[in-house]
PDB file of all heavy atoms in Angstrom:
ATOM      1  N   ASN A   1       0.831  -1.218  -0.010  1.00  0.00           N
ATOM      2  CA  ASN A   1      -0.009   0.001   0.000  1.00  0.00           C
ATOM      3  C   ASN A   1       0.851   1.259  -0.007  1.00  0.00           C
ATOM      4  O   ASN A   1       0.530   2.257  -0.683  1.00  0.00           O
ATOM      5  CB  ASN A   1      -0.939  -0.004   1.218  1.00  0.00           C
ATOM      6  CG  ASN A   1      -2.200  -0.772   0.993  1.00  0.00           C
ATOM      7  OD1 ASN A   1      -3.171  -0.257   0.478  1.00  0.00           O
ATOM      8  ND2 ASN A   1      -2.198  -2.041   1.399  1.00  0.00           N
ATOM      9  N   LEU A   2       1.963   1.211   0.738  1.00  0.00           N
ATOM     10  CA  LEU A   2       2.901   2.362   0.750  1.00  0.00           C
ATOM     11  C   LEU A   2       3.484   2.579  -0.632  1.00  0.00           C
ATOM     12  O   LEU A   2       3.586   3.724  -1.099  1.00  0.00           O
ATOM     13  CB  LEU A   2       4.018   2.114   1.765  1.00  0.00           C
ATOM     14  CG  LEU A   2       5.079   3.197   1.863  1.00  0.00           C
ATOM     15  CD1 LEU A   2       4.503   4.495   2.433  1.00  0.00           C
ATOM     16  CD2 LEU A   2       6.256   2.726   2.723  1.00  0.00           C
ATOM     17  N   SER A   3       3.822   1.503  -1.328  1.00  0.00           N
ATOM     18  CA  SER A   3       4.405   1.586  -2.677  1.00  0.00           C
ATOM     19  C   SER A   3       3.386   2.170  -3.645  1.00  0.00           C
ATOM     20  O   SER A   3       3.731   3.010  -4.509  1.00  0.00           O
ATOM     21  CB  SER A   3       4.839   0.204  -3.144  1.00  0.00           C
ATOM     22  OG  SER A   3       5.950  -0.238  -2.399  1.00  0.00           O
ATOM     23  N   LEU A   4       2.130   1.750  -3.524  1.00  0.00           N
ATOM     24  CA  LEU A   4       1.068   2.289  -4.388  1.00  0.00           C
ATOM     25  C   LEU A   4       0.860   3.765  -4.145  1.00  0.00           C
ATOM     26  O   LEU A   4       0.766   4.540  -5.123  1.00  0.00           O
ATOM     27  CB  LEU A   4      -0.246   1.524  -4.123  1.00  0.00           C
ATOM     28  CG  LEU A   4      -1.494   2.035  -4.890  1.00  0.00           C
ATOM     29  CD1 LEU A   4      -1.286   1.906  -6.391  1.00  0.00           C
ATOM     30  CD2 LEU A   4      -2.730   1.276  -4.450  1.00  0.00           C
ATOM     31  N   VAL A   5       0.827   4.180  -2.895  1.00  0.00           N
ATOM     32  CA  VAL A   5       0.658   5.606  -2.573  1.00  0.00           C
ATOM     33  C   VAL A   5       1.861   6.409  -3.050  1.00  0.00           C
ATOM     34  O   VAL A   5       1.689   7.525  -3.547  1.00  0.00           O
ATOM     35  CB  VAL A   5       0.463   5.786  -1.049  1.00  0.00           C
ATOM     36  CG1 VAL A   5       0.520   7.254  -0.649  1.00  0.00           C
ATOM     37  CG2 VAL A   5      -0.891   5.207  -0.626  1.00  0.00           C
ATOM     38  N   ASP A   6       3.071   5.855  -2.961  1.00  0.00           N
ATOM     39  CA  ASP A   6       4.271   6.553  -3.455  1.00  0.00           C
ATOM     40  C   ASP A   6       4.226   6.773  -4.954  1.00  0.00           C
ATOM     41  O   ASP A   6       4.636   7.825  -5.468  1.00  0.00           O
ATOM     42  CB  ASP A   6       5.539   5.783  -3.077  1.00  0.00           C
ATOM     43  CG  ASP A   6       5.987   6.025  -1.645  1.00  0.00           C
ATOM     44  OD1 ASP A   6       5.516   7.023  -1.063  1.00  0.00           O
ATOM     45  OD2 ASP A   6       6.767   5.225  -1.121  1.00  0.00           O
ATOM     46  N   ILE A   7       3.712   5.788  -5.706  1.00  0.00           N
ATOM     47  CA  ILE A   7       3.542   5.950  -7.152  1.00  0.00           C
ATOM     48  C   ILE A   7       2.561   7.081  -7.445  1.00  0.00           C
ATOM     49  O   ILE A   7       2.842   7.971  -8.280  1.00  0.00           O
ATOM     50  CB  ILE A   7       3.066   4.647  -7.800  1.00  0.00           C
ATOM     51  CG1 ILE A   7       4.150   3.574  -7.762  1.00  0.00           C
ATOM     52  CG2 ILE A   7       2.633   4.876  -9.248  1.00  0.00           C
ATOM     53  CD1 ILE A   7       3.707   2.205  -8.245  1.00  0.00           C
ATOM     54  N   CYS A   8       1.439   7.074  -6.751  1.00  0.00           N
ATOM     55  CA  CYS A   8       0.409   8.105  -6.951  1.00  0.00           C
ATOM     56  C   CYS A   8       0.932   9.475  -6.501  1.00  0.00           C
ATOM     57  O   CYS A   8       0.660  10.490  -7.181  1.00  0.00           O
ATOM     58  CB  CYS A   8      -0.846   7.748  -6.167  1.00  0.00           C
ATOM     59  SG  CYS A   8      -1.657   6.233  -6.706  1.00  0.00           S
ATOM     60  N   PHE A   9       1.663   9.498  -5.395  1.00  0.00           N
ATOM     61  CA  PHE A   9       2.209  10.725  -4.828  1.00  0.00           C
ATOM     62  C   PHE A   9       3.139  11.430  -5.852  1.00  0.00           C
ATOM     63  O   PHE A   9       3.013  12.635  -6.127  1.00  0.00           O
ATOM     64  CB  PHE A   9       2.951  10.388  -3.546  1.00  0.00           C
ATOM     65  CG  PHE A   9       3.614  11.561  -2.871  1.00  0.00           C
ATOM     66  CD1 PHE A   9       2.884  12.657  -2.459  1.00  0.00           C
ATOM     67  CD2 PHE A   9       4.963  11.541  -2.571  1.00  0.00           C
ATOM     68  CE1 PHE A   9       3.475  13.733  -1.805  1.00  0.00           C
ATOM     69  CE2 PHE A   9       5.571  12.592  -1.918  1.00  0.00           C
ATOM     70  CZ  PHE A   9       4.841  13.691  -1.552  1.00  0.00           C
ATOM     71  N   THR A  10       4.046  10.647  -6.415  1.00  0.00           N
ATOM     72  CA  THR A  10       4.982  11.189  -7.394  1.00  0.00           C
ATOM     73  C   THR A  10       4.287  11.560  -8.698  1.00  0.00           C
ATOM     74  O   THR A  10       4.634  12.582  -9.325  1.00  0.00           O
ATOM     75  CB  THR A  10       6.109  10.185  -7.680  1.00  0.00           C
ATOM     76  OG1 THR A  10       6.626   9.711  -6.433  1.00  0.00           O
ATOM     77  CG2 THR A  10       7.233  10.800  -8.478  1.00  0.00           C
ATOM     78  N   SER A  11       3.304  10.749  -9.093  1.00  0.00           N
ATOM     79  CA  SER A  11       2.581  11.020 -10.354  1.00  0.00           C
ATOM     80  C   SER A  11       1.704  12.248 -10.284  1.00  0.00           C
ATOM     81  O   SER A  11       1.272  12.747 -11.335  1.00  0.00           O
ATOM     82  CB  SER A  11       1.704   9.785 -10.704  1.00  0.00           C
ATOM     83  OG  SER A  11       2.522   8.652 -10.906  1.00  0.00           O
ATOM     84  N   THR A  12       1.432  12.754  -9.066  1.00  0.00           N
ATOM     85  CA  THR A  12       0.651  13.952  -8.916  1.00  0.00           C
ATOM     86  C   THR A  12       1.399  15.205  -9.390  1.00  0.00           C
ATOM     87  O   THR A  12       0.779  16.153  -9.891  1.00  0.00           O
ATOM     88  CB  THR A  12       0.249  14.121  -7.438  1.00  0.00           C
ATOM     89  OG1 THR A  12      -0.499  12.982  -7.018  1.00  0.00           O
ATOM     90  CG2 THR A  12      -0.566  15.362  -7.211  1.00  0.00           C
ATOM     91  N   THR A  13       2.720  15.206  -9.232  1.00  0.00           N
ATOM     92  CA  THR A  13       3.499  16.418  -9.511  1.00  0.00           C
ATOM     93  C   THR A  13       4.421  16.324 -10.730  1.00  0.00           C
ATOM     94  O   THR A  13       4.495  17.263 -11.505  1.00  0.00           O
ATOM     95  CB  THR A  13       4.339  16.783  -8.258  1.00  0.00           C
ATOM     96  OG1 THR A  13       5.159  15.666  -7.921  1.00  0.00           O
ATOM     97  CG2 THR A  13       3.409  17.102  -7.082  1.00  0.00           C
ATOM     98  N   ILE A  14       5.165  15.240 -10.842  1.00  0.00           N
ATOM     99  CA  ILE A  14       6.262  15.168 -11.812  1.00  0.00           C
ATOM    100  C   ILE A  14       5.790  15.201 -13.285  1.00  0.00           C
ATOM    101  O   ILE A  14       6.363  15.931 -14.092  1.00  0.00           O
ATOM    102  CB  ILE A  14       7.165  13.963 -11.556  1.00  0.00           C
ATOM    103  CG1 ILE A  14       7.727  14.002 -10.125  1.00  0.00           C
ATOM    104  CG2 ILE A  14       8.313  13.930 -12.547  1.00  0.00           C
ATOM    105  CD1 ILE A  14       8.435  15.277  -9.783  1.00  0.00           C
ATOM    106  N   PRO A  15       4.775  14.416 -13.665  1.00  0.00           N
ATOM    107  CA  PRO A  15       4.362  14.437 -15.087  1.00  0.00           C
ATOM    108  C   PRO A  15       4.018  15.838 -15.570  1.00  0.00           C
ATOM    109  O   PRO A  15       4.397  16.218 -16.704  1.00  0.00           O
ATOM    110  CB  PRO A  15       3.146  13.497 -15.114  1.00  0.00           C
ATOM    111  CG  PRO A  15       3.393  12.553 -14.003  1.00  0.00           C
ATOM    112  CD  PRO A  15       4.029  13.366 -12.934  1.00  0.00           C
ATOM    113  N   LYS A  16       3.294  16.619 -14.782  1.00  0.00           N
ATOM    114  CA  LYS A  16       2.942  17.996 -15.184  1.00  0.00           C
ATOM    115  C   LYS A  16       4.168  18.845 -15.350  1.00  0.00           C
ATOM    116  O   LYS A  16       4.270  19.641 -16.293  1.00  0.00           O
ATOM    117  CB  LYS A  16       1.978  18.595 -14.151  1.00  0.00           C
ATOM    118  CG  LYS A  16       1.596  20.071 -14.445  1.00  0.00           C
ATOM    119  CD  LYS A  16       0.944  20.237 -15.810  1.00  0.00           C
ATOM    120  CE  LYS A  16       0.604  21.702 -16.064  1.00  0.00           C
ATOM    121  NZ  LYS A  16       0.097  21.903 -17.440  1.00  0.00           N
ATOM    122  N   MET A  17       5.140  18.669 -14.449  1.00  0.00           N
ATOM    123  CA  MET A  17       6.377  19.410 -14.549  1.00  0.00           C
ATOM    124  C   MET A  17       7.120  19.044 -15.832  1.00  0.00           C
ATOM    125  O   MET A  17       7.642  19.942 -16.548  1.00  0.00           O
ATOM    126  CB  MET A  17       7.265  19.073 -13.346  1.00  0.00           C
ATOM    127  CG  MET A  17       8.639  19.687 -13.375  1.00  0.00           C
ATOM    128  SD  MET A  17       9.684  19.024 -12.085  1.00  0.00           S
ATOM    129  CE  MET A  17      11.221  19.930 -12.378  1.00  0.00           C
ATOM    130  N   LEU A  18       7.165  17.774 -16.179  1.00  0.00           N
ATOM    131  CA  LEU A  18       7.858  17.339 -17.390  1.00  0.00           C
ATOM    132  C   LEU A  18       7.174  17.868 -18.643  1.00  0.00           C
ATOM    133  O   LEU A  18       7.829  18.267 -19.602  1.00  0.00           O
ATOM    134  CB  LEU A  18       7.898  15.794 -17.418  1.00  0.00           C
ATOM    135  CG  LEU A  18       8.700  15.118 -16.314  1.00  0.00           C
ATOM    136  CD1 LEU A  18       8.595  13.601 -16.426  1.00  0.00           C
ATOM    137  CD2 LEU A  18      10.170  15.538 -16.381  1.00  0.00           C
ATOM    138  N   VAL A  19       5.828  17.882 -18.635  1.00  0.00           N
ATOM    139  CA  VAL A  19       5.072  18.395 -19.777  1.00  0.00           C
ATOM    140  C   VAL A  19       5.359  19.870 -19.960  1.00  0.00           C
ATOM    141  O   VAL A  19       5.538  20.348 -21.083  1.00  0.00           O
ATOM    142  CB  VAL A  19       3.552  18.149 -19.571  1.00  0.00           C
ATOM    143  CG1 VAL A  19       2.740  18.935 -20.596  1.00  0.00           C
ATOM    144  CG2 VAL A  19       3.239  16.659 -19.678  1.00  0.00           C
ATOM    145  N   ASN A  20       5.388  20.615 -18.848  1.00  0.00           N
ATOM    146  CA  ASN A  20       5.650  22.067 -18.932  1.00  0.00           C
ATOM    147  C   ASN A  20       7.035  22.342 -19.491  1.00  0.00           C
ATOM    148  O   ASN A  20       7.207  23.278 -20.279  1.00  0.00           O
ATOM    149  CB  ASN A  20       5.514  22.700 -17.547  1.00  0.00           C
ATOM    150  CG  ASN A  20       4.060  22.930 -17.160  1.00  0.00           C
ATOM    151  OD1 ASN A  20       3.146  22.546 -17.870  1.00  0.00           O
ATOM    152  ND2 ASN A  20       3.843  23.576 -16.025  1.00  0.00           N
ATOM    153  N   ILE A  21       8.033  21.562 -19.104  1.00  0.00           N
ATOM    154  CA  ILE A  21       9.390  21.759 -19.624  1.00  0.00           C
ATOM    155  C   ILE A  21       9.435  21.434 -21.110  1.00  0.00           C
ATOM    156  O   ILE A  21      10.030  22.166 -21.900  1.00  0.00           O
ATOM    157  CB  ILE A  21      10.396  20.884 -18.840  1.00  0.00           C
ATOM    158  CG1 ILE A  21      10.525  21.356 -17.399  1.00  0.00           C
ATOM    159  CG2 ILE A  21      11.768  20.914 -19.523  1.00  0.00           C
ATOM    160  CD1 ILE A  21      11.416  20.466 -16.545  1.00  0.00           C
ATOM    161  N   GLN A  22       8.777  20.342 -21.476  1.00  0.00           N
ATOM    162  CA  GLN A  22       8.811  19.884 -22.880  1.00  0.00           C
ATOM    163  C   GLN A  22       8.077  20.877 -23.791  1.00  0.00           C
ATOM    164  O   GLN A  22       8.517  21.116 -24.929  1.00  0.00           O
ATOM    165  CB  GLN A  22       8.172  18.497 -22.983  1.00  0.00           C
ATOM    166  CG  GLN A  22       8.359  17.820 -24.322  1.00  0.00           C
ATOM    167  CD  GLN A  22       9.820  17.459 -24.601  1.00  0.00           C
ATOM    168  OE1 GLN A  22      10.615  17.396 -23.681  1.00  0.00           O
ATOM    169  NE2 GLN A  22      10.144  17.235 -25.855  1.00  0.00           N
ATOM    170  N   THR A  23       6.965  21.428 -23.315  1.00  0.00           N
ATOM    171  CA  THR A  23       6.162  22.362 -24.129  1.00  0.00           C
ATOM    172  C   THR A  23       6.607  23.839 -23.964  1.00  0.00           C
ATOM    173  O   THR A  23       6.024  24.710 -24.569  1.00  0.00           O
ATOM    174  CB  THR A  23       4.685  22.239 -23.776  1.00  0.00           C
ATOM    175  OG1 THR A  23       4.494  22.526 -22.390  1.00  0.00           O
ATOM    176  CG2 THR A  23       4.163  20.852 -24.070  1.00  0.00           C
ATOM    177  N   LYS A  24       7.612  24.039 -23.067  1.00  0.00           N
ATOM    178  CA  LYS A  24       8.096  25.398 -22.750  1.00  0.00           C
ATOM    179  C   LYS A  24       6.949  26.299 -22.276  1.00  0.00           C
ATOM    180  O   LYS A  24       6.859  27.481 -22.636  1.00  0.00           O
ATOM    181  CB  LYS A  24       8.800  26.004 -23.962  1.00  0.00           C
ATOM    182  CG  LYS A  24      10.034  25.251 -24.399  1.00  0.00           C
ATOM    183  CD  LYS A  24      10.705  25.926 -25.586  1.00  0.00           C
ATOM    184  CE  LYS A  24      12.045  25.268 -25.938  1.00  0.00           C
ATOM    185  NZ  LYS A  24      11.938  23.832 -26.214  1.00  0.00           N
ATOM    186  N   SER A  25       6.097  25.718 -21.484  1.00  0.00           N
ATOM    187  CA  SER A  25       4.964  26.458 -20.925  1.00  0.00           C
ATOM    188  C   SER A  25       4.976  26.311 -19.393  1.00  0.00           C
ATOM    189  O   SER A  25       5.302  25.252 -18.859  1.00  0.00           O
ATOM    190  CB  SER A  25       3.658  25.913 -21.471  1.00  0.00           C
ATOM    191  OG  SER A  25       2.537  26.454 -20.795  1.00  0.00           O
TER     192      SER A  25
END
């Protein structure tokens, strides 16, 4: 359960950050 929450926790912030860097937005 901790591992599942850690995946969700990281997926809340990092993908949006990567998209913003890639799109320069």
